[in-house]
Every structure is written in C-alpha cells, then in structure tokens.
Amino acid sequence: MREMLFKNMTSKDFKKRDLTIREDLRKNGFVAHTERRCFYFVREVVSVEGSHDIDKLAKLKTTASNDSNKRNFHIMRVKDSNTGREKLVCKVCGMIYAIIANKVYAIGFLHSFKINFSPEPVI
C-alpha cells in the first residue's frame, strides 16, 4: 500500500516557498517512509537598468559569496541494530540567481531527502 502527502506552502510576501512530498510504502514486511523537501527563500533583489548598474551586481555577488552561501552537500546514515530501523538523510543547500525582467534575485535553497526503513509491526 502507498500513501502520499503533498504540501506547497508560500509565504504571504512570496519570499519563501516550501514544497514537501511524503510517502509511506509497505512491502514485503518493511515500511519505508520518505520525505522530499525543497525550501526556497529570496535573500536579495537588485534592479538592473543597464550596463552602468554593474556595481550593483558586483555587490550582490560579494555579499552572497561568503562561506555561509557556498553549496553544501551532506549525507548521513544511521542504523539501529536493536530495532532494525535504518535512516538515510541527504541535504543540499546553496544559492542560485534568477533574472526576471530587470531584476536579479539571489535565492537561497535547501533540498533534503529522508528515508526511514523499519520492519512492519506485527498486529
């Protein structure tokens, strides 16, 4: 049996968006719980009218290029031998830039993927 939950939340000022998909899958005596999450937030917006605004773009790049904004990738695996549960977590976070009309958006993101495996309880 497969159960799925979709969530799409956007903040009132449209600066944050959180997309989540959860799925429970039962098969061959095991239960797998998965969660995919994509979280985006607008950090800065710069209006660019022409080539004379190149200083604004340079400022955006220097403010967004410090160590906290570099792309990071993490994987963690945990196994509990007593209960038989196993957990895997993958995360990617960083910055992307989008140009729409005359505006440049600096967008931070966090993508995560979590899986929990466990034996199905006997009822």
Protein backbone atom coordinates (compact mmCIF):
# COMPACT_ATOMS: atom_id res chain seq x y z
CA MET A 1 0.00 0.00 0.00
CA ARG A 2 1.21 3.51 -0.82
CA GLU A 3 0.13 6.74 0.87
CA MET A 4 1.29 10.16 -0.34
CA LEU A 5 1.02 13.69 1.08
CA PHE A 6 1.80 16.84 -0.93
CA LYS A 7 2.30 20.27 0.66
CA ASN A 8 3.01 23.52 -1.16
CA MET A 9 3.34 26.48 1.22
CA THR A 10 4.14 30.03 0.12
CA SER A 11 4.65 32.97 2.48
CA LYS A 12 2.32 35.97 2.23
CA ASP A 13 5.10 38.20 0.89
CA PHE A 14 6.11 35.50 -1.69
CA LYS A 15 9.71 35.43 -0.40
CA LYS A 16 9.58 31.85 0.92
CA ARG A 17 8.28 28.63 -0.59
CA ASP A 18 8.29 25.19 0.99
CA LEU A 19 7.42 22.11 -1.09
CA THR A 20 7.12 18.75 0.65
CA ILE A 21 6.22 15.27 -0.60
CA ARG A 22 5.85 12.46 1.93
CA GLU A 23 5.29 8.85 1.02
CA ASP A 24 4.71 5.71 3.09
CA LEU A 25 5.30 2.42 1.33
CA ARG A 26 4.64 -1.01 2.85
CA LYS A 27 6.07 -4.01 1.05
CA ASN A 28 7.45 -7.46 1.99
CA GLY A 29 7.21 -6.86 5.73
CA PHE A 30 9.01 -3.50 5.71
CA VAL A 31 7.82 0.09 5.94
CA ALA A 32 9.64 2.88 4.10
CA HIS A 33 8.84 6.49 4.99
CA THR A 34 10.29 9.00 2.51
CA GLU A 35 10.22 12.79 2.56
CA ARG A 36 11.41 15.12 -0.19
CA ARG A 37 11.56 18.78 0.73
CA CYS A 38 12.53 21.84 -1.31
CA PHE A 39 12.74 25.13 0.57
CA TYR A 40 13.47 28.38 -1.30
CA PHE A 41 13.79 31.93 0.04
CA VAL A 42 14.60 35.21 -1.69
CA ARG A 43 17.63 36.76 0.02
CA GLU A 44 18.10 39.86 -2.09
CA VAL A 45 16.63 41.62 -5.13
CA VAL A 46 18.66 44.04 -7.27
CA SER A 47 17.15 46.19 -10.04
CA VAL A 48 19.40 46.50 -13.09
CA GLU A 49 18.59 49.10 -15.73
CA GLY A 50 21.71 48.82 -17.89
CA SER A 51 25.45 48.24 -18.00
CA HIS A 52 26.03 51.18 -15.65
CA ASP A 53 24.49 49.09 -12.83
CA ILE A 54 27.32 46.56 -12.93
CA ASP A 55 28.44 47.78 -9.48
CA LYS A 56 25.12 46.57 -8.03
CA LEU A 57 25.71 43.09 -9.44
CA ALA A 58 29.26 43.01 -8.11
CA LYS A 59 27.94 43.98 -4.66
CA LEU A 60 25.30 41.23 -4.86
CA LYS A 61 27.93 38.64 -5.73
CA THR A 62 30.30 39.68 -2.93
CA THR A 63 27.54 39.73 -0.29
CA ALA A 64 26.26 36.34 -1.44
CA SER A 65 29.64 34.65 -1.87
CA ASN A 66 30.77 34.40 1.73
CA ASP A 67 31.41 30.94 3.21
CA SER A 68 27.87 30.51 4.52
CA ASN A 69 26.43 30.71 1.00
CA LYS A 70 28.63 28.11 -0.71
CA ARG A 71 26.85 24.99 -1.91
CA ASN A 72 26.97 22.23 0.68
CA PHE A 73 26.11 18.54 0.36
CA HIS A 74 25.63 16.23 3.36
CA ILE A 75 24.77 12.53 3.66
CA MET A 76 24.05 10.81 6.96
CA ARG A 77 23.18 7.15 7.52
CA VAL A 78 22.10 5.73 10.87
CA LYS A 79 21.28 2.10 11.65
CA ASP A 80 19.85 0.88 14.97
CA SER A 81 20.72 -2.82 15.23
CA ASN A 82 18.39 -3.32 18.22
CA THR A 83 15.19 -2.18 16.48
CA GLY A 84 16.21 -2.86 12.87
CA ARG A 85 15.47 0.74 11.85
CA GLU A 86 17.61 2.43 9.26
CA LYS A 87 17.65 6.12 8.30
CA LEU A 88 19.27 7.97 5.39
CA VAL A 89 19.33 11.78 5.07
CA CYS A 90 20.70 13.72 2.08
CA LYS A 91 20.82 17.54 2.08
CA VAL A 92 21.98 20.11 -0.45
CA CYS A 93 21.94 23.84 0.29
CA GLY A 94 23.29 26.87 -1.52
CA MET A 95 22.44 29.90 -3.65
CA ILE A 96 21.03 30.34 -7.14
CA TYR A 97 20.43 33.52 -9.13
CA ALA A 98 17.44 34.29 -11.33
CA ILE A 99 16.96 37.19 -13.74
CA ILE A 100 13.39 38.25 -14.44
CA ALA A 101 12.82 41.42 -16.47
CA ASN A 102 15.21 44.00 -14.95
CA LYS A 103 15.66 42.33 -11.57
CA VAL A 104 18.26 39.88 -10.31
CA TYR A 105 17.13 37.61 -7.46
CA ALA A 106 19.55 35.91 -5.07
CA ILE A 107 17.69 32.79 -3.91
CA GLY A 108 18.82 30.51 -1.13
CA PHE A 109 17.71 26.89 -1.24
CA LEU A 110 17.67 23.72 0.83
CA HIS A 111 16.81 20.36 -0.75
CA SER A 112 16.52 17.35 1.52
CA PHE A 113 15.65 13.70 1.04
CA LYS A 114 14.97 11.48 4.06
CA ILE A 115 14.27 7.74 4.11
CA ASN A 116 13.35 5.68 7.17
CA PHE A 117 13.24 1.89 6.86
CA SER A 118 11.81 -0.32 9.58
CA PRO A 119 10.26 -3.76 9.87
CA GLU A 120 6.47 -3.65 9.72
CA PRO A 121 4.96 -4.16 13.17
CA VAL A 122 3.06 -7.40 13.60
CA ILE A 123 -0.53 -6.82 14.77
